[in-house]
């Protein structure tokens, strides 16, 4: 078994214990890094929303912790079940978001990647969410989201190139896989702007650019070893790229540098 896969399976046990209610001693945990990038996994365990339990986004916790080990990024993750949802509850009662906001401000985090799991039936590999409003996207009609490719990306703040970089790296890593779902979508269904998401909440209250990544279950399934490892490798490449760039450089040059780095 690949060392990456073996290590993530071991890390995932913190979250999978107790039928994915987790075995942490606190509701969530933050681990400090040494680059201005942070990863969030609020649904690594089961969460409680609208009076019912919603099942965990499997392997988002293990992957988040592995990314911390491999890249030096900061990380926050849910690890003990409480009757709450860090990606939904109002900020005033949302301890996850409150402490995350304090942390990104204190540590001058430039970019937060908030990772989630999408069902394997979805027709995409990854969907990016940048928290536009319904009005920005579709004239108050959620059904027309796809028809508005020029919608703003408010959660990216002044760094509007972030989603382009992520798309370039993911598409390059996924292009040779046998799984047919290779496309990288943005702001179709999980656009992070219709509720109190981590992406929306933190970007509105800080100088940290945020993006939500909904990852198809086919790529989070360890049985699909090649796809799973390519997902992890692509996330490592994304974090490493963003940790080294000059954030004051013009966006087009940054995108060109990313394209060159992908060969």
C-alpha atoms as a PDB file:
ATOM      1  CA  UNK A   1       0.000   0.000   0.000  1.00  0.00           C
ATOM      2  CA  UNK A   2       1.261   3.502  -0.832  1.00  0.00           C
ATOM      3  CA  UNK A   3       2.762   5.298   2.193  1.00  0.00           C
ATOM      4  CA  UNK A   4       0.509   8.303   1.610  1.00  0.00           C
ATOM      5  CA  UNK A   5      -2.615   6.150   1.678  1.00  0.00           C
ATOM      6  CA  UNK A   6      -1.458   4.199   4.704  1.00  0.00           C
ATOM      7  CA  UNK A   7      -0.742   7.376   6.659  1.00  0.00           C
ATOM      8  CA  UNK A   8      -4.069   9.012   5.816  1.00  0.00           C
ATOM      9  CA  UNK A   9      -5.973   5.901   6.856  1.00  0.00           C
ATOM     10  CA  UNK A  10      -4.206   6.069  10.202  1.00  0.00           C
ATOM     11  CA  UNK A  11      -4.968   9.779  10.598  1.00  0.00           C
ATOM     12  CA  UNK A  12      -8.609   9.202   9.646  1.00  0.00           C
ATOM     13  CA  UNK A  13      -9.150   7.037  12.725  1.00  0.00           C
ATOM     14  CA  UNK A  14      -9.491  10.173  14.895  1.00  0.00           C
ATOM     15  CA  UNK A  15     -12.598  11.001  12.871  1.00  0.00           C
ATOM     16  CA  UNK A  16     -13.961   7.542  12.032  1.00  0.00           C
ATOM     17  CA  UNK A  17     -14.010   6.380  15.659  1.00  0.00           C
ATOM     18  CA  UNK A  18     -17.472   5.997  17.224  1.00  0.00           C
ATOM     19  CA  UNK A  19     -19.155   5.660  13.824  1.00  0.00           C
ATOM     20  CA  UNK A  20     -17.708   8.982  12.650  1.00  0.00           C
ATOM     21  CA  UNK A  21     -18.644  10.866  15.809  1.00  0.00           C
ATOM     22  CA  UNK A  22     -14.903  11.183  16.360  1.00  0.00           C
ATOM     23  CA  UNK A  23     -12.656  10.563  19.331  1.00  0.00           C
ATOM     24  CA  UNK A  24     -11.272  14.050  19.883  1.00  0.00           C
ATOM     25  CA  UNK A  25     -11.282  15.605  23.340  1.00  0.00           C
ATOM     26  CA  UNK A  26     -12.683  18.890  21.994  1.00  0.00           C
ATOM     27  CA  UNK A  27     -15.232  19.702  19.299  1.00  0.00           C
ATOM     28  CA  UNK A  28     -12.484  20.875  16.966  1.00  0.00           C
ATOM     29  CA  UNK A  29      -8.746  21.329  16.915  1.00  0.00           C
ATOM     30  CA  UNK A  30      -6.291  23.784  15.336  1.00  0.00           C
ATOM     31  CA  UNK A  31      -2.725  22.817  14.467  1.00  0.00           C
ATOM     32  CA  UNK A  32      -0.256  25.596  13.727  1.00  0.00           C
ATOM     33  CA  UNK A  33       1.690  25.704  10.473  1.00  0.00           C
ATOM     34  CA  UNK A  34       4.515  27.800   9.067  1.00  0.00           C
ATOM     35  CA  UNK A  35       3.126  29.090   5.739  1.00  0.00           C
ATOM     36  CA  UNK A  36       0.282  31.608   5.166  1.00  0.00           C
ATOM     37  CA  UNK A  37      -2.118  28.892   3.940  1.00  0.00           C
ATOM     38  CA  UNK A  38      -4.730  27.076   6.062  1.00  0.00           C
ATOM     39  CA  UNK A  39      -6.945  24.044   5.459  1.00  0.00           C
ATOM     40  CA  UNK A  40     -10.338  23.575   7.130  1.00  0.00           C
ATOM     41  CA  UNK A  41     -12.337  20.329   7.454  1.00  0.00           C
ATOM     42  CA  UNK A  42     -15.528  21.204   9.363  1.00  0.00           C
ATOM     43  CA  UNK A  43     -17.443  18.091   8.264  1.00  0.00           C
ATOM     44  CA  UNK A  44     -14.747  15.519   9.065  1.00  0.00           C
ATOM     45  CA  UNK A  45     -17.219  13.979  11.542  1.00  0.00           C
ATOM     46  CA  UNK A  46     -21.002  13.753  11.694  1.00  0.00           C
ATOM     47  CA  UNK A  47     -22.729  17.098  12.120  1.00  0.00           C
ATOM     48  CA  UNK A  48     -26.177  18.197  13.308  1.00  0.00           C
ATOM     49  CA  UNK A  49     -28.330  20.458  11.143  1.00  0.00           C
ATOM     50  CA  UNK A  50     -32.013  21.333  11.084  1.00  0.00           C
ATOM     51  CA  UNK A  51     -32.873  18.742  13.721  1.00  0.00           C
ATOM     52  CA  UNK A  52     -31.104  15.776  12.193  1.00  0.00           C
ATOM     53  CA  UNK A  53     -27.669  14.202  11.875  1.00  0.00           C
ATOM     54  CA  UNK A  54     -25.803  14.635   8.591  1.00  0.00           C
ATOM     55  CA  UNK A  55     -23.133  12.072   7.832  1.00  0.00           C
ATOM     56  CA  UNK A  56     -19.446  12.978   7.792  1.00  0.00           C
ATOM     57  CA  UNK A  57     -17.521  13.909   4.649  1.00  0.00           C
ATOM     58  CA  UNK A  58     -15.280  10.873   4.865  1.00  0.00           C
ATOM     59  CA  UNK A  59     -11.520  11.305   4.622  1.00  0.00           C
ATOM     60  CA  UNK A  60     -11.632  15.110   4.586  1.00  0.00           C
ATOM     61  CA  UNK A  61     -10.225  15.053   8.129  1.00  0.00           C
ATOM     62  CA  UNK A  62      -7.455  12.573   7.409  1.00  0.00           C
ATOM     63  CA  UNK A  63      -6.506  14.419   4.237  1.00  0.00           C
ATOM     64  CA  UNK A  64      -6.461  17.783   6.062  1.00  0.00           C
ATOM     65  CA  UNK A  65      -4.122  16.471   8.746  1.00  0.00           C
ATOM     66  CA  UNK A  66      -1.879  14.875   6.115  1.00  0.00           C
ATOM     67  CA  UNK A  67      -1.666  18.166   4.206  1.00  0.00           C
ATOM     68  CA  UNK A  68      -0.541  19.831   7.437  1.00  0.00           C
ATOM     69  CA  UNK A  69       2.203  17.234   7.868  1.00  0.00           C
ATOM     70  CA  UNK A  70       3.423  17.439   4.279  1.00  0.00           C
ATOM     71  CA  UNK A  71       3.202  21.173   3.518  1.00  0.00           C
ATOM     72  CA  UNK A  72       3.375  22.982   6.849  1.00  0.00           C
ATOM     73  CA  UNK A  73      -0.052  24.561   6.302  1.00  0.00           C
ATOM     74  CA  UNK A  74      -2.186  25.492   9.287  1.00  0.00           C
ATOM     75  CA  UNK A  75      -5.211  23.247   9.805  1.00  0.00           C
ATOM     76  CA  UNK A  76      -8.532  23.230  11.655  1.00  0.00           C
ATOM     77  CA  UNK A  77     -10.870  20.234  11.813  1.00  0.00           C
ATOM     78  CA  UNK A  78     -13.903  18.971  13.709  1.00  0.00           C
ATOM     79  CA  UNK A  79     -13.066  15.890  15.771  1.00  0.00           C
ATOM     80  CA  UNK A  80     -15.812  15.325  18.372  1.00  0.00           C
ATOM     81  CA  UNK A  81     -19.545  15.242  17.722  1.00  0.00           C
ATOM     82  CA  UNK A  82     -21.700  18.022  19.135  1.00  0.00           C
ATOM     83  CA  UNK A  83     -25.173  19.062  18.064  1.00  0.00           C
ATOM     84  CA  UNK A  84     -23.823  21.744  15.773  1.00  0.00           C
ATOM     85  CA  UNK A  85     -22.680  22.345  12.189  1.00  0.00           C
ATOM     86  CA  UNK A  86     -19.586  24.567  11.790  1.00  0.00           C
ATOM     87  CA  UNK A  87     -20.451  25.212   8.143  1.00  0.00           C
ATOM     88  CA  UNK A  88     -24.044  26.265   8.809  1.00  0.00           C
ATOM     89  CA  UNK A  89     -24.683  27.642  12.298  1.00  0.00           C
ATOM     90  CA  UNK A  90     -24.866  31.412  12.765  1.00  0.00           C
ATOM     91  CA  UNK A  91     -21.543  33.040  13.577  1.00  0.00           C
ATOM     92  CA  UNK A  92     -22.722  34.266  16.992  1.00  0.00           C
ATOM     93  CA  UNK A  93     -23.055  30.664  18.251  1.00  0.00           C
ATOM     94  CA  UNK A  94     -20.432  29.078  15.990  1.00  0.00           C
ATOM     95  CA  UNK A  95     -17.297  28.431  18.071  1.00  0.00           C
ATOM     96  CA  UNK A  96     -15.490  26.826  15.118  1.00  0.00           C
ATOM     97  CA  UNK A  97     -15.840  29.959  13.014  1.00  0.00           C
ATOM     98  CA  UNK A  98     -15.201  32.330  15.917  1.00  0.00           C
ATOM     99  CA  UNK A  99     -11.880  30.733  16.828  1.00  0.00           C
ATOM    100  CA  UNK A 100     -10.951  30.297  13.163  1.00  0.00           C
ATOM    101  CA  UNK A 101     -11.507  34.014  12.538  1.00  0.00           C
ATOM    102  CA  UNK A 102      -9.350  34.954  15.507  1.00  0.00           C
ATOM    103  CA  UNK A 103      -6.672  32.539  14.312  1.00  0.00           C
ATOM    104  CA  UNK A 104      -6.466  33.708  10.670  1.00  0.00           C
ATOM    105  CA  UNK A 105      -6.208  37.309  11.813  1.00  0.00           C
ATOM    106  CA  UNK A 106      -3.512  36.540  14.386  1.00  0.00           C
ATOM    107  CA  UNK A 107      -1.420  34.442  11.978  1.00  0.00           C
ATOM    108  CA  UNK A 108      -1.930  36.572   8.844  1.00  0.00           C
ATOM    109  CA  UNK A 109      -3.398  33.710   6.828  1.00  0.00           C
ATOM    110  CA  UNK A 110      -3.721  34.722   3.172  1.00  0.00           C
ATOM    111  CA  UNK A 111      -5.723  31.740   1.889  1.00  0.00           C
ATOM    112  CA  UNK A 112      -8.129  29.275   3.513  1.00  0.00           C
ATOM    113  CA  UNK A 113      -9.076  26.078   1.679  1.00  0.00           C
ATOM    114  CA  UNK A 114     -12.292  24.697   3.177  1.00  0.00           C
ATOM    115  CA  UNK A 115     -12.625  21.069   2.062  1.00  0.00           C
ATOM    116  CA  UNK A 116     -15.841  19.058   1.897  1.00  0.00           C
ATOM    117  CA  UNK A 117     -17.148  15.852   0.378  1.00  0.00           C
ATOM    118  CA  UNK A 118     -19.621  15.615  -2.490  1.00  0.00           C
ATOM    119  CA  UNK A 119     -21.564  12.460  -3.315  1.00  0.00           C
ATOM    120  CA  UNK A 120     -19.959  10.124  -5.836  1.00  0.00           C
ATOM    121  CA  UNK A 121     -23.049  10.526  -8.040  1.00  0.00           C
ATOM    122  CA  UNK A 122     -22.155  14.174  -8.767  1.00  0.00           C
ATOM    123  CA  UNK A 123     -21.015  14.772 -12.333  1.00  0.00           C
ATOM    124  CA  UNK A 124     -17.812  16.601 -11.414  1.00  0.00           C
ATOM    125  CA  UNK A 125     -14.527  15.791  -9.714  1.00  0.00           C
ATOM    126  CA  UNK A 126     -14.427  18.973  -7.635  1.00  0.00           C
ATOM    127  CA  UNK A 127     -16.740  21.954  -7.313  1.00  0.00           C
ATOM    128  CA  UNK A 128     -15.283  25.251  -6.127  1.00  0.00           C
ATOM    129  CA  UNK A 129     -17.469  27.669  -4.159  1.00  0.00           C
ATOM    130  CA  UNK A 130     -16.608  31.363  -3.881  1.00  0.00           C
ATOM    131  CA  UNK A 131     -19.711  32.633  -2.019  1.00  0.00           C
ATOM    132  CA  UNK A 132     -21.518  34.787  -4.590  1.00  0.00           C
ATOM    133  CA  UNK A 133     -25.080  35.794  -3.814  1.00  0.00           C
ATOM    134  CA  UNK A 134     -28.043  34.489  -5.785  1.00  0.00           C
ATOM    135  CA  UNK A 135     -28.423  37.970  -7.280  1.00  0.00           C
ATOM    136  CA  UNK A 136     -24.832  37.992  -8.509  1.00  0.00           C
ATOM    137  CA  UNK A 137     -25.276  34.598 -10.096  1.00  0.00           C
ATOM    138  CA  UNK A 138     -28.704  34.272 -11.558  1.00  0.00           C
ATOM    139  CA  UNK A 139     -31.207  37.049 -11.092  1.00  0.00           C
ATOM    140  CA  UNK A 140     -32.681  35.326  -8.024  1.00  0.00           C
ATOM    141  CA  UNK A 141     -33.003  31.978  -9.810  1.00  0.00           C
ATOM    142  CA  UNK A 142     -30.744  29.174  -8.485  1.00  0.00           C
ATOM    143  CA  UNK A 143     -31.644  27.082 -11.534  1.00  0.00           C
ATOM    144  CA  UNK A 144     -29.757  29.543 -13.744  1.00  0.00           C
ATOM    145  CA  UNK A 145     -26.444  29.520 -11.881  1.00  0.00           C
ATOM    146  CA  UNK A 146     -24.600  27.876 -14.761  1.00  0.00           C
ATOM    147  CA  UNK A 147     -25.631  30.648 -17.154  1.00  0.00           C
ATOM    148  CA  UNK A 148     -23.635  33.317 -15.315  1.00  0.00           C
ATOM    149  CA  UNK A 149     -19.928  32.530 -15.799  1.00  0.00           C
ATOM    150  CA  UNK A 150     -18.956  36.153 -15.064  1.00  0.00           C
ATOM    151  CA  UNK A 151     -20.353  36.142 -11.547  1.00  0.00           C
ATOM    152  CA  UNK A 152     -18.088  37.737  -8.982  1.00  0.00           C
ATOM    153  CA  UNK A 153     -16.018  35.719  -6.523  1.00  0.00           C
ATOM    154  CA  UNK A 154     -16.426  37.728  -3.308  1.00  0.00           C
ATOM    155  CA  UNK A 155     -14.716  35.206  -1.018  1.00  0.00           C
ATOM    156  CA  UNK A 156     -11.485  35.479  -3.029  1.00  0.00           C
ATOM    157  CA  UNK A 157     -11.246  39.173  -2.083  1.00  0.00           C
ATOM    158  CA  UNK A 158      -8.645  40.848  -4.338  1.00  0.00           C
ATOM    159  CA  UNK A 159      -7.093  37.508  -5.328  1.00  0.00           C
ATOM    160  CA  UNK A 160      -9.457  36.589  -8.150  1.00  0.00           C
ATOM    161  CA  UNK A 161      -6.874  34.284  -9.769  1.00  0.00           C
ATOM    162  CA  UNK A 162      -7.050  31.649  -6.986  1.00  0.00           C
ATOM    163  CA  UNK A 163      -9.777  29.542  -8.592  1.00  0.00           C
ATOM    164  CA  UNK A 164      -7.931  29.553 -11.942  1.00  0.00           C
ATOM    165  CA  UNK A 165      -4.783  28.183 -10.303  1.00  0.00           C
ATOM    166  CA  UNK A 166      -6.712  25.472  -8.474  1.00  0.00           C
ATOM    167  CA  UNK A 167      -8.496  24.469 -11.678  1.00  0.00           C
ATOM    168  CA  UNK A 168      -5.231  24.261 -13.663  1.00  0.00           C
ATOM    169  CA  UNK A 169      -3.537  22.023 -11.095  1.00  0.00           C
ATOM    170  CA  UNK A 170      -6.524  19.725 -10.542  1.00  0.00           C
ATOM    171  CA  UNK A 171      -7.261  19.270 -14.239  1.00  0.00           C
ATOM    172  CA  UNK A 172      -3.617  18.445 -14.901  1.00  0.00           C
ATOM    173  CA  UNK A 173      -3.547  15.808 -12.150  1.00  0.00           C
ATOM    174  CA  UNK A 174      -6.875  14.217 -13.074  1.00  0.00           C
ATOM    175  CA  UNK A 175      -6.616  14.114 -16.876  1.00  0.00           C
ATOM    176  CA  UNK A 176      -5.177  10.587 -17.167  1.00  0.00           C
ATOM    177  CA  UNK A 177      -7.485   8.800 -14.724  1.00  0.00           C
ATOM    178  CA  UNK A 178      -9.936   6.071 -15.652  1.00  0.00           C
ATOM    179  CA  UNK A 179     -12.719   7.754 -13.681  1.00  0.00           C
ATOM    180  CA  UNK A 180     -14.797   9.700 -16.183  1.00  0.00           C
ATOM    181  CA  UNK A 181     -15.541  12.559 -13.785  1.00  0.00           C
ATOM    182  CA  UNK A 182     -12.601  14.878 -14.364  1.00  0.00           C
ATOM    183  CA  UNK A 183     -14.229  18.283 -14.728  1.00  0.00           C
ATOM    184  CA  UNK A 184     -13.692  21.056 -12.188  1.00  0.00           C
ATOM    185  CA  UNK A 185     -16.842  23.152 -11.708  1.00  0.00           C
ATOM    186  CA  UNK A 186     -17.478  26.411  -9.897  1.00  0.00           C
ATOM    187  CA  UNK A 187     -20.564  27.866  -8.199  1.00  0.00           C
ATOM    188  CA  UNK A 188     -23.090  25.381  -9.551  1.00  0.00           C
ATOM    189  CA  UNK A 189     -24.727  23.795  -6.517  1.00  0.00           C
ATOM    190  CA  UNK A 190     -22.376  24.217  -3.544  1.00  0.00           C
ATOM    191  CA  UNK A 191     -21.420  27.825  -4.171  1.00  0.00           C
ATOM    192  CA  UNK A 192     -20.959  28.675  -0.467  1.00  0.00           C
ATOM    193  CA  UNK A 193     -23.021  31.841  -0.633  1.00  0.00           C
ATOM    194  CA  UNK A 194     -26.503  30.807   0.482  1.00  0.00           C
ATOM    195  CA  UNK A 195     -25.869  30.133   4.177  1.00  0.00           C
ATOM    196  CA  UNK A 196     -23.346  30.772   6.931  1.00  0.00           C
ATOM    197  CA  UNK A 197     -20.539  28.761   5.366  1.00  0.00           C
ATOM    198  CA  UNK A 198     -16.967  28.918   6.603  1.00  0.00           C
ATOM    199  CA  UNK A 199     -15.942  30.384   3.242  1.00  0.00           C
ATOM    200  CA  UNK A 200     -18.501  33.168   3.321  1.00  0.00           C
ATOM    201  CA  UNK A 201     -18.252  33.949   7.015  1.00  0.00           C
ATOM    202  CA  UNK A 202     -14.466  34.154   7.298  1.00  0.00           C
ATOM    203  CA  UNK A 203     -13.897  36.040   4.034  1.00  0.00           C
ATOM    204  CA  UNK A 204     -16.470  38.663   5.022  1.00  0.00           C
ATOM    205  CA  UNK A 205     -14.849  39.269   8.403  1.00  0.00           C
ATOM    206  CA  UNK A 206     -11.139  39.094   7.590  1.00  0.00           C
ATOM    207  CA  UNK A 207      -8.468  39.755   4.977  1.00  0.00           C
ATOM    208  CA  UNK A 208      -8.202  36.010   4.299  1.00  0.00           C
ATOM    209  CA  UNK A 209      -9.302  34.791   0.885  1.00  0.00           C
ATOM    210  CA  UNK A 210     -11.429  31.641   1.182  1.00  0.00           C
ATOM    211  CA  UNK A 211     -12.620  28.969  -1.213  1.00  0.00           C
ATOM    212  CA  UNK A 212     -14.809  25.916  -0.634  1.00  0.00           C
ATOM    213  CA  UNK A 213     -13.810  22.662  -2.350  1.00  0.00           C
ATOM    214  CA  UNK A 214     -16.472  19.958  -2.709  1.00  0.00           C
ATOM    215  CA  UNK A 215     -14.609  16.752  -3.590  1.00  0.00           C
ATOM    216  CA  UNK A 216     -16.386  13.870  -5.306  1.00  0.00           C
ATOM    217  CA  UNK A 217     -16.594  10.652  -3.294  1.00  0.00           C
ATOM    218  CA  UNK A 218     -14.869   8.710  -6.087  1.00  0.00           C
ATOM    219  CA  UNK A 219     -11.677  10.649  -5.309  1.00  0.00           C
ATOM    220  CA  UNK A 220     -12.054  10.254  -1.533  1.00  0.00           C
ATOM    221  CA  UNK A 221     -12.441   6.487  -1.726  1.00  0.00           C
ATOM    222  CA  UNK A 222      -9.172   4.726  -0.739  1.00  0.00           C
ATOM    223  CA  UNK A 223     -10.220   1.741  -2.855  1.00  0.00           C
ATOM    224  CA  UNK A 224      -9.667   3.991  -5.886  1.00  0.00           C
ATOM    225  CA  UNK A 225      -6.019   4.214  -4.931  1.00  0.00           C
ATOM    226  CA  UNK A 226      -4.689   6.086  -7.967  1.00  0.00           C
ATOM    227  CA  UNK A 227      -7.425   8.684  -7.902  1.00  0.00           C
ATOM    228  CA  UNK A 228      -7.190   9.127  -4.130  1.00  0.00           C
ATOM    229  CA  UNK A 229      -3.437   9.667  -4.247  1.00  0.00           C
ATOM    230  CA  UNK A 230      -3.705  12.065  -7.199  1.00  0.00           C
ATOM    231  CA  UNK A 231      -6.230  14.127  -5.251  1.00  0.00           C
ATOM    232  CA  UNK A 232      -3.877  14.385  -2.287  1.00  0.00           C
ATOM    233  CA  UNK A 233      -0.904  15.154  -4.526  1.00  0.00           C
ATOM    234  CA  UNK A 234      -2.863  17.879  -6.294  1.00  0.00           C
ATOM    235  CA  UNK A 235      -3.855  19.502  -2.988  1.00  0.00           C
ATOM    236  CA  UNK A 236      -0.213  19.405  -1.891  1.00  0.00           C
ATOM    237  CA  UNK A 237       0.785  21.032  -5.202  1.00  0.00           C
ATOM    238  CA  UNK A 238      -1.876  23.723  -4.764  1.00  0.00           C
ATOM    239  CA  UNK A 239      -0.735  24.561  -1.238  1.00  0.00           C
ATOM    240  CA  UNK A 240       2.946  24.537  -2.191  1.00  0.00           C
ATOM    241  CA  UNK A 241       2.299  26.847  -5.142  1.00  0.00           C
ATOM    242  CA  UNK A 242       0.314  29.356  -3.107  1.00  0.00           C
ATOM    243  CA  UNK A 243       2.851  29.264  -0.275  1.00  0.00           C
ATOM    244  CA  UNK A 244       5.638  30.429  -2.592  1.00  0.00           C
ATOM    245  CA  UNK A 245       4.052  33.036  -4.844  1.00  0.00           C
ATOM    246  CA  UNK A 246       4.364  36.793  -4.555  1.00  0.00           C
ATOM    247  CA  UNK A 247       0.807  37.779  -3.654  1.00  0.00           C
ATOM    248  CA  UNK A 248       1.445  41.349  -4.809  1.00  0.00           C
ATOM    249  CA  UNK A 249       2.340  40.256  -8.353  1.00  0.00           C
ATOM    250  CA  UNK A 250      -0.173  40.837 -11.164  1.00  0.00           C
ATOM    251  CA  UNK A 251      -2.661  37.935 -11.499  1.00  0.00           C
ATOM    252  CA  UNK A 252      -1.865  37.089 -15.127  1.00  0.00           C
ATOM    253  CA  UNK A 253       1.805  36.543 -14.337  1.00  0.00           C
ATOM    254  CA  UNK A 254       0.901  34.253 -11.442  1.00  0.00           C
ATOM    255  CA  UNK A 255      -1.367  32.188 -13.707  1.00  0.00           C
ATOM    256  CA  UNK A 256       1.351  31.988 -16.376  1.00  0.00           C
ATOM    257  CA  UNK A 257       3.852  30.787 -13.779  1.00  0.00           C
ATOM    258  CA  UNK A 258       1.406  28.082 -12.683  1.00  0.00           C
ATOM    259  CA  UNK A 259       0.922  26.895 -16.267  1.00  0.00           C
ATOM    260  CA  UNK A 260       4.686  26.707 -16.773  1.00  0.00           C
ATOM    261  CA  UNK A 261       5.124  24.782 -13.533  1.00  0.00           C
ATOM    262  CA  UNK A 262       2.624  22.167 -14.727  1.00  0.00           C
ATOM    263  CA  UNK A 263       4.743  21.548 -17.819  1.00  0.00           C
END
